[in-house]
């Protein structure tokens, strides 16, 4: 749509320029002198001089360049342009008696009968030279348009690819979260049925948000924080008194919107790897505004693990990094560190707060 509109504007601008070149000299003369005869003569002269250039330019811009040159038919392109040059300049090469050349011109150049063809050849080459320049002008403009079209197509393909990938990542994230939460509720039903019933209500709200309210590009930050808080309470169900869980939410004023389910993976990762039922553990989650930046932090205790299952890895973390790249390109920082038994993740969304 936008490409067609830009193309229409360009074509109208070119038509306006050509109309000015053909009509403006005669129109200015008529305004200055008020003599229609002189203006008509000037118009005929402009038409005689510029019409061949307009024909060769229009033929190449509208037909020959896109249909022959861009389709790798170089021989046909050169051949058709050569025939056009001959046709447009045929009157210059056409044999005629020497009287066709004004007496003053013959005397000035000291032309003789044998020099007529040399004079006509020079005239032909001069005229053809300017016409070839307009051929290259048409080629140049067409190449610029083609390059812009290719860039717009690439951007559109990137946009479609990004949207499809984001949809895939979100669909991959939801089941990952649901399976872990349902396992927690299942374990609780055997220990404390009353708390399990209360948790089912929390789970209902959590699922409603994850499955329905997140079906959009951006969600209110307040809703996302309520979801995270509810999620953390559900995750606490599997923790005992040895685990310390804290949250610190400092929401900025105003309507701030972020990508949905963006910070769940670090929280899920913290409970998965940072909680040990037989050792003192902790999970600390915070979210606050720092100037125009939104800063999320998550810290948890770490324990020695064997095999490939280690903290900071897994499909959830990789999905998070990929989503940040797609949604906030060049506008975020992601840091993860592990020192002295403490694993931390820090995500900064830059210039998010207006």
Protein backbone atom coordinates (compact mmCIF):
# COMPACT_ATOMS: atom_id res chain seq x y z
CA UNK A 1 0.00 0.00 0.00
CA UNK A 2 2.68 2.47 1.04
CA UNK A 3 4.91 1.35 -1.80
CA UNK A 4 2.16 1.98 -4.39
CA UNK A 5 1.47 5.41 -2.93
CA UNK A 6 5.16 6.38 -3.07
CA UNK A 7 5.37 5.13 -6.65
CA UNK A 8 2.33 7.19 -7.64
CA UNK A 9 3.81 10.31 -6.05
CA UNK A 10 7.09 9.78 -7.89
CA UNK A 11 5.34 9.32 -11.26
CA UNK A 12 3.25 12.45 -10.74
CA UNK A 13 6.38 14.40 -9.80
CA UNK A 14 8.15 13.23 -12.96
CA UNK A 15 5.15 14.16 -15.13
CA UNK A 16 5.09 17.61 -13.52
CA UNK A 17 8.82 18.15 -14.19
CA UNK A 18 8.48 17.15 -17.85
CA UNK A 19 5.43 19.41 -18.28
CA UNK A 20 7.39 22.33 -16.83
CA UNK A 21 10.34 21.67 -19.15
CA UNK A 22 8.07 21.65 -22.21
CA UNK A 23 5.69 24.47 -21.32
CA UNK A 24 7.49 26.78 -18.88
CA UNK A 25 9.83 28.57 -21.38
CA UNK A 26 6.95 29.46 -23.69
CA UNK A 27 4.72 30.44 -20.76
CA UNK A 28 7.38 32.76 -19.29
CA UNK A 29 7.94 34.37 -22.70
CA UNK A 30 4.20 34.96 -23.07
CA UNK A 31 4.02 36.55 -19.62
CA UNK A 32 6.96 38.84 -20.36
CA UNK A 33 6.28 39.79 -24.00
CA UNK A 34 2.57 39.13 -24.28
CA UNK A 35 3.10 37.83 -27.85
CA UNK A 36 1.42 34.53 -28.49
CA UNK A 37 3.26 33.94 -31.76
CA UNK A 38 6.67 34.04 -30.09
CA UNK A 39 5.43 31.85 -27.26
CA UNK A 40 4.07 29.31 -29.74
CA UNK A 41 7.39 29.28 -31.62
CA UNK A 42 9.31 28.74 -28.39
CA UNK A 43 6.93 25.94 -27.43
CA UNK A 44 7.48 24.22 -30.80
CA UNK A 45 11.23 24.57 -30.34
CA UNK A 46 11.07 23.08 -26.81
CA UNK A 47 8.87 20.27 -28.08
CA UNK A 48 11.22 19.53 -30.99
CA UNK A 49 14.22 19.45 -28.69
CA UNK A 50 12.77 17.67 -25.65
CA UNK A 51 10.24 15.26 -27.17
CA UNK A 52 12.88 12.71 -28.30
CA UNK A 53 14.39 12.81 -24.79
CA UNK A 54 10.96 12.31 -23.23
CA UNK A 55 10.22 9.38 -25.55
CA UNK A 56 13.50 7.59 -24.87
CA UNK A 57 13.22 8.21 -21.12
CA UNK A 58 9.58 7.10 -20.86
CA UNK A 59 10.20 3.99 -22.96
CA UNK A 60 13.06 2.89 -20.73
CA UNK A 61 11.50 3.88 -17.41
CA UNK A 62 8.10 2.32 -18.08
CA UNK A 63 9.01 -0.69 -20.22
CA UNK A 64 12.55 -1.49 -21.29
CA UNK A 65 14.36 -1.36 -17.94
CA UNK A 66 11.83 -3.38 -15.88
CA UNK A 67 10.88 -5.81 -18.67
CA UNK A 68 14.25 -6.36 -20.35
CA UNK A 69 17.19 -5.14 -18.28
CA UNK A 70 15.93 -6.42 -14.92
CA UNK A 71 15.03 -9.75 -16.51
CA UNK A 72 18.58 -10.31 -17.75
CA UNK A 73 17.73 -9.64 -21.42
CA UNK A 74 20.65 -7.29 -21.98
CA UNK A 75 20.94 -7.98 -25.72
CA UNK A 76 17.31 -7.12 -26.33
CA UNK A 77 17.63 -4.03 -24.14
CA UNK A 78 20.60 -2.68 -26.09
CA UNK A 79 19.07 -3.62 -29.46
CA UNK A 80 15.70 -1.95 -28.81
CA UNK A 81 17.38 1.20 -27.51
CA UNK A 82 19.63 1.31 -30.58
CA UNK A 83 16.57 1.10 -32.87
CA UNK A 84 14.89 3.85 -30.86
CA UNK A 85 17.93 6.09 -31.28
CA UNK A 86 17.90 5.50 -35.04
CA UNK A 87 14.18 6.24 -35.33
CA UNK A 88 14.32 9.37 -33.20
CA UNK A 89 17.30 10.74 -35.16
CA UNK A 90 16.40 9.46 -38.62
CA UNK A 91 15.56 12.91 -39.89
CA UNK A 92 19.14 13.99 -39.12
CA UNK A 93 20.65 11.18 -41.21
CA UNK A 94 18.06 11.29 -43.99
CA UNK A 95 19.69 12.38 -47.32
CA UNK A 96 18.72 15.86 -48.48
CA UNK A 97 20.09 18.49 -50.80
CA UNK A 98 22.64 20.92 -49.47
CA UNK A 99 20.04 23.69 -49.61
CA UNK A 100 18.49 22.17 -46.45
CA UNK A 101 21.41 23.68 -44.53
CA UNK A 102 21.06 27.46 -44.18
CA UNK A 103 23.50 29.58 -46.17
CA UNK A 104 24.96 31.15 -43.03
CA UNK A 105 25.74 27.76 -41.54
CA UNK A 106 27.37 26.59 -44.77
CA UNK A 107 29.59 29.66 -44.89
CA UNK A 108 30.48 29.49 -41.19
CA UNK A 109 31.66 25.88 -41.33
CA UNK A 110 32.75 26.07 -44.98
CA UNK A 111 30.72 23.06 -45.82
CA UNK A 112 30.92 21.43 -49.21
CA UNK A 113 28.75 18.71 -50.68
CA UNK A 114 31.15 15.98 -49.57
CA UNK A 115 31.06 17.28 -45.97
CA UNK A 116 27.28 17.09 -45.53
CA UNK A 117 27.34 13.55 -44.15
CA UNK A 118 30.07 14.43 -41.68
CA UNK A 119 27.95 17.33 -40.44
CA UNK A 120 24.88 15.11 -40.12
CA UNK A 121 26.87 12.41 -38.35
CA UNK A 122 28.15 14.90 -35.77
CA UNK A 123 24.58 16.14 -35.24
CA UNK A 124 23.36 12.56 -34.84
CA UNK A 125 26.06 11.70 -32.32
CA UNK A 126 25.39 14.88 -30.31
CA UNK A 127 21.66 14.18 -30.18
CA UNK A 128 22.18 10.48 -29.40
CA UNK A 129 24.64 11.34 -26.62
CA UNK A 130 22.03 13.31 -24.68
CA UNK A 131 19.42 10.63 -25.32
CA UNK A 132 21.76 7.96 -23.95
CA UNK A 133 22.20 10.08 -20.85
CA UNK A 134 18.44 9.97 -20.34
CA UNK A 135 18.54 6.19 -20.80
CA UNK A 136 21.02 6.00 -17.92
CA UNK A 137 18.85 8.40 -15.94
CA UNK A 138 15.89 6.04 -16.34
CA UNK A 139 18.09 3.08 -15.34
CA UNK A 140 19.34 4.91 -12.25
CA UNK A 141 15.86 5.87 -11.02
CA UNK A 142 14.56 2.36 -11.67
CA UNK A 143 17.46 0.82 -9.74
CA UNK A 144 16.79 3.13 -6.79
CA UNK A 145 13.11 2.14 -6.81
CA UNK A 146 14.02 -1.52 -7.09
CA UNK A 147 16.45 -1.25 -4.19
CA UNK A 148 13.79 0.44 -2.04
CA UNK A 149 11.27 -2.25 -2.97
CA UNK A 150 13.72 -4.98 -1.98
CA UNK A 151 14.43 -3.26 1.34
CA UNK A 152 10.70 -2.91 2.09
CA UNK A 153 10.12 -6.56 1.20
CA UNK A 154 12.99 -7.64 3.47
CA UNK A 155 11.60 -5.54 6.33
CA UNK A 156 8.15 -7.03 5.80
CA UNK A 157 9.58 -10.55 5.78
CA UNK A 158 11.58 -9.83 8.93
CA UNK A 159 8.44 -8.47 10.60
CA UNK A 160 6.40 -11.53 9.65
CA UNK A 161 9.19 -13.85 10.75
CA UNK A 162 9.51 -12.04 14.08
CA UNK A 163 5.76 -12.17 14.70
CA UNK A 164 5.66 -15.89 13.89
CA UNK A 165 8.67 -16.58 16.11
CA UNK A 166 7.19 -14.58 19.01
CA UNK A 167 3.93 -16.51 18.71
CA UNK A 168 5.85 -19.77 18.73
CA UNK A 169 7.88 -18.71 21.78
CA UNK A 170 4.75 -17.67 23.70
CA UNK A 171 2.98 -20.92 22.90
CA UNK A 172 6.06 -22.77 24.00
CA UNK A 173 6.24 -20.79 27.24
CA UNK A 174 2.66 -21.29 28.44
CA UNK A 175 2.73 -25.13 28.64
CA UNK A 176 6.14 -24.96 30.30
CA UNK A 177 4.70 -22.80 33.08
CA UNK A 178 1.48 -24.79 33.41
CA UNK A 179 3.11 -28.16 33.91
CA UNK A 180 5.24 -26.90 36.79
CA UNK A 181 2.33 -25.18 38.52
CA UNK A 182 0.02 -28.19 38.19
CA UNK A 183 2.70 -30.41 39.71
CA UNK A 184 2.88 -28.08 42.71
CA UNK A 185 -0.92 -28.18 43.23
CA UNK A 186 -0.92 -31.94 42.86
CA UNK A 187 1.67 -32.32 45.61
CA UNK A 188 -0.24 -29.96 47.90
CA UNK A 189 -3.52 -31.90 47.68
CA UNK A 190 -1.90 -34.75 49.59
CA UNK A 191 -0.50 -32.52 52.35
CA UNK A 192 -3.06 -29.76 52.99
CA UNK A 193 -6.40 -30.05 51.12
CA UNK A 194 -7.67 -26.69 52.45
CA UNK A 195 -4.66 -24.81 51.16
CA UNK A 196 -4.93 -26.78 47.96
CA UNK A 197 -8.49 -25.54 47.47
CA UNK A 198 -7.40 -21.94 48.08
CA UNK A 199 -4.52 -22.41 45.69
CA UNK A 200 -6.83 -23.71 43.00
CA UNK A 201 -8.54 -20.29 43.02
CA UNK A 202 -5.17 -18.61 42.66
CA UNK A 203 -4.29 -21.01 39.89
CA UNK A 204 -7.54 -20.19 38.12
CA UNK A 205 -6.66 -16.48 38.10
CA UNK A 206 -3.13 -17.26 36.99
CA UNK A 207 -4.26 -19.50 34.14
CA UNK A 208 -6.85 -16.99 32.99
CA UNK A 209 -4.15 -14.35 32.70
CA UNK A 210 -1.58 -16.63 31.06
CA UNK A 211 -4.01 -18.07 28.51
CA UNK A 212 -6.27 -15.12 27.67
CA UNK A 213 -4.97 -11.77 28.92
CA UNK A 214 -1.55 -12.27 27.33
CA UNK A 215 -2.90 -12.73 23.82
CA UNK A 216 -1.57 -9.31 22.83
CA UNK A 217 1.75 -7.64 22.12
CA UNK A 218 1.90 -5.61 25.33
CA UNK A 219 0.07 -5.81 28.67
CA UNK A 220 -0.21 -3.35 31.59
CA UNK A 221 2.71 -3.64 33.99
CA UNK A 222 0.33 -3.78 36.96
CA UNK A 223 -1.37 -6.90 35.56
CA UNK A 224 1.97 -8.54 34.89
CA UNK A 225 3.14 -7.83 38.45
CA UNK A 226 -0.10 -9.24 39.90
CA UNK A 227 0.45 -12.36 37.80
CA UNK A 228 4.07 -12.74 38.98
CA UNK A 229 3.05 -12.24 42.59
CA UNK A 230 0.34 -14.87 42.26
CA UNK A 231 2.75 -17.21 40.50
CA UNK A 232 5.36 -16.84 43.27
CA UNK A 233 2.75 -17.70 45.92
CA UNK A 234 1.90 -20.84 44.01
CA UNK A 235 5.57 -21.75 43.72
CA UNK A 236 5.98 -21.25 47.47
CA UNK A 237 3.60 -24.18 48.04
CA UNK A 238 6.42 -26.62 47.53
CA UNK A 239 8.81 -24.74 49.83
CA UNK A 240 9.31 -25.46 53.55
CA UNK A 241 10.41 -23.24 56.42
CA UNK A 242 14.04 -23.41 55.30
CA UNK A 243 13.24 -21.31 52.22
CA UNK A 244 13.02 -17.52 52.35
CA UNK A 245 10.98 -15.92 49.56
CA UNK A 246 10.70 -12.13 49.26
CA UNK A 247 9.21 -9.81 46.66
CA UNK A 248 9.70 -6.07 46.22
CA UNK A 249 7.42 -4.35 43.70
CA UNK A 250 7.98 -0.61 43.11
CA UNK A 251 5.69 0.22 40.21
CA UNK A 252 6.22 3.48 38.32
CA UNK A 253 3.33 5.89 37.93
CA UNK A 254 1.45 6.01 34.66
CA UNK A 255 0.38 3.45 32.12
CA UNK A 256 3.48 1.33 31.50
CA UNK A 257 3.08 -1.67 29.22
CA UNK A 258 5.49 -4.55 28.65
CA UNK A 259 5.59 -7.82 26.75
CA UNK A 260 3.57 -10.50 28.59
CA UNK A 261 5.16 -13.32 30.60
CA UNK A 262 8.58 -11.75 30.15
CA UNK A 263 10.02 -12.32 33.64
CA UNK A 264 8.50 -15.69 34.51
CA UNK A 265 11.44 -17.76 33.26
CA UNK A 266 14.00 -16.32 35.73
CA UNK A 267 11.51 -16.77 38.60
CA UNK A 268 10.75 -20.33 37.53
CA UNK A 269 14.46 -21.00 37.16
CA UNK A 270 15.11 -19.61 40.66
CA UNK A 271 12.59 -21.97 42.31
CA UNK A 272 13.77 -24.90 40.24
CA UNK A 273 17.48 -24.54 40.99
CA UNK A 274 17.59 -22.32 44.08
CA UNK A 275 15.42 -24.25 46.54
CA UNK A 276 16.60 -27.24 48.53
CA UNK A 277 14.24 -28.92 50.99
CA UNK A 278 17.11 -29.92 53.31
CA UNK A 279 19.20 -26.74 53.23
CA UNK A 280 18.64 -23.04 53.82
CA UNK A 281 17.51 -21.47 50.56
CA UNK A 282 16.26 -18.15 49.32
CA UNK A 283 14.55 -16.52 46.34
CA UNK A 284 14.42 -12.72 46.14
CA UNK A 285 12.48 -11.01 43.34
CA UNK A 286 12.23 -7.27 42.78
CA UNK A 287 10.98 -4.86 40.14
CA UNK A 288 11.48 -1.11 40.19
CA UNK A 289 11.89 1.99 38.07
CA UNK A 290 15.26 3.68 37.68
CA UNK A 291 14.67 6.90 35.80
CA UNK A 292 13.11 5.89 32.50
CA UNK A 293 14.34 2.30 32.79
CA UNK A 294 12.46 -0.65 34.22
CA UNK A 295 14.75 -2.95 36.20
CA UNK A 296 13.92 -6.56 37.10
CA UNK A 297 16.10 -8.58 39.43
CA UNK A 298 15.97 -12.12 40.71
CA UNK A 299 18.43 -13.76 43.11
CA UNK A 300 18.50 -17.27 44.50
CA UNK A 301 20.76 -19.63 46.34
CA UNK A 302 22.68 -22.21 44.36
CA UNK A 303 23.65 -25.78 45.04
CA UNK A 304 26.06 -28.18 43.42
CA UNK A 305 24.37 -30.14 40.66
CA UNK A 306 25.59 -32.91 38.44
CA UNK A 307 24.86 -33.59 34.79
CA UNK A 308 23.65 -31.11 32.22
CA UNK A 309 20.85 -29.69 34.39
CA UNK A 310 22.41 -26.49 35.71
CA UNK A 311 21.13 -23.05 36.56
CA UNK A 312 20.94 -20.46 33.79
CA UNK A 313 20.23 -23.03 31.09
CA UNK A 314 17.12 -24.54 29.65
CA UNK A 315 14.45 -23.70 27.13
CA UNK A 316 12.82 -21.06 29.34
CA UNK A 317 15.97 -18.95 29.63
CA UNK A 318 16.78 -19.28 25.94
CA UNK A 319 13.23 -18.25 25.05
CA UNK A 320 13.54 -15.20 27.29
CA UNK A 321 16.74 -14.05 25.62
CA UNK A 322 15.26 -14.55 22.17
CA UNK A 323 12.09 -12.64 23.06
CA UNK A 324 14.16 -9.75 24.40
CA UNK A 325 16.08 -9.63 21.12
CA UNK A 326 12.89 -9.60 19.06
CA UNK A 327 10.77 -7.23 21.16
CA UNK A 328 13.38 -4.84 22.57
CA UNK A 329 16.26 -4.76 20.07
CA UNK A 330 19.11 -2.51 21.30
CA UNK A 331 16.86 -1.38 24.19
CA UNK A 332 17.64 -3.91 26.90
CA UNK A 333 20.43 -5.47 28.92
CA UNK A 334 20.48 -9.01 30.28
CA UNK A 335 23.01 -10.02 32.92
CA UNK A 336 23.36 -13.26 34.82
CA UNK A 337 26.05 -13.93 37.40
CA UNK A 338 26.88 -16.66 39.92
CA UNK A 339 29.22 -15.83 42.79
CA UNK A 340 29.58 -17.14 46.35
CA UNK A 341 26.54 -19.39 46.14
CA UNK A 342 24.27 -16.66 44.79
CA UNK A 343 22.85 -16.70 41.29
CA UNK A 344 21.33 -13.45 40.02
CA UNK A 345 19.58 -12.24 36.88
CA UNK A 346 19.21 -8.56 36.07
CA UNK A 347 17.12 -7.33 33.13
CA UNK A 348 16.87 -3.66 32.20
CA UNK A 349 14.28 -2.41 29.71
CA UNK A 350 15.61 0.96 28.61
CA UNK A 351 13.50 4.09 28.08
CA UNK A 352 10.30 2.17 28.78
CA UNK A 353 8.84 4.70 31.21
CA UNK A 354 7.54 7.89 29.59
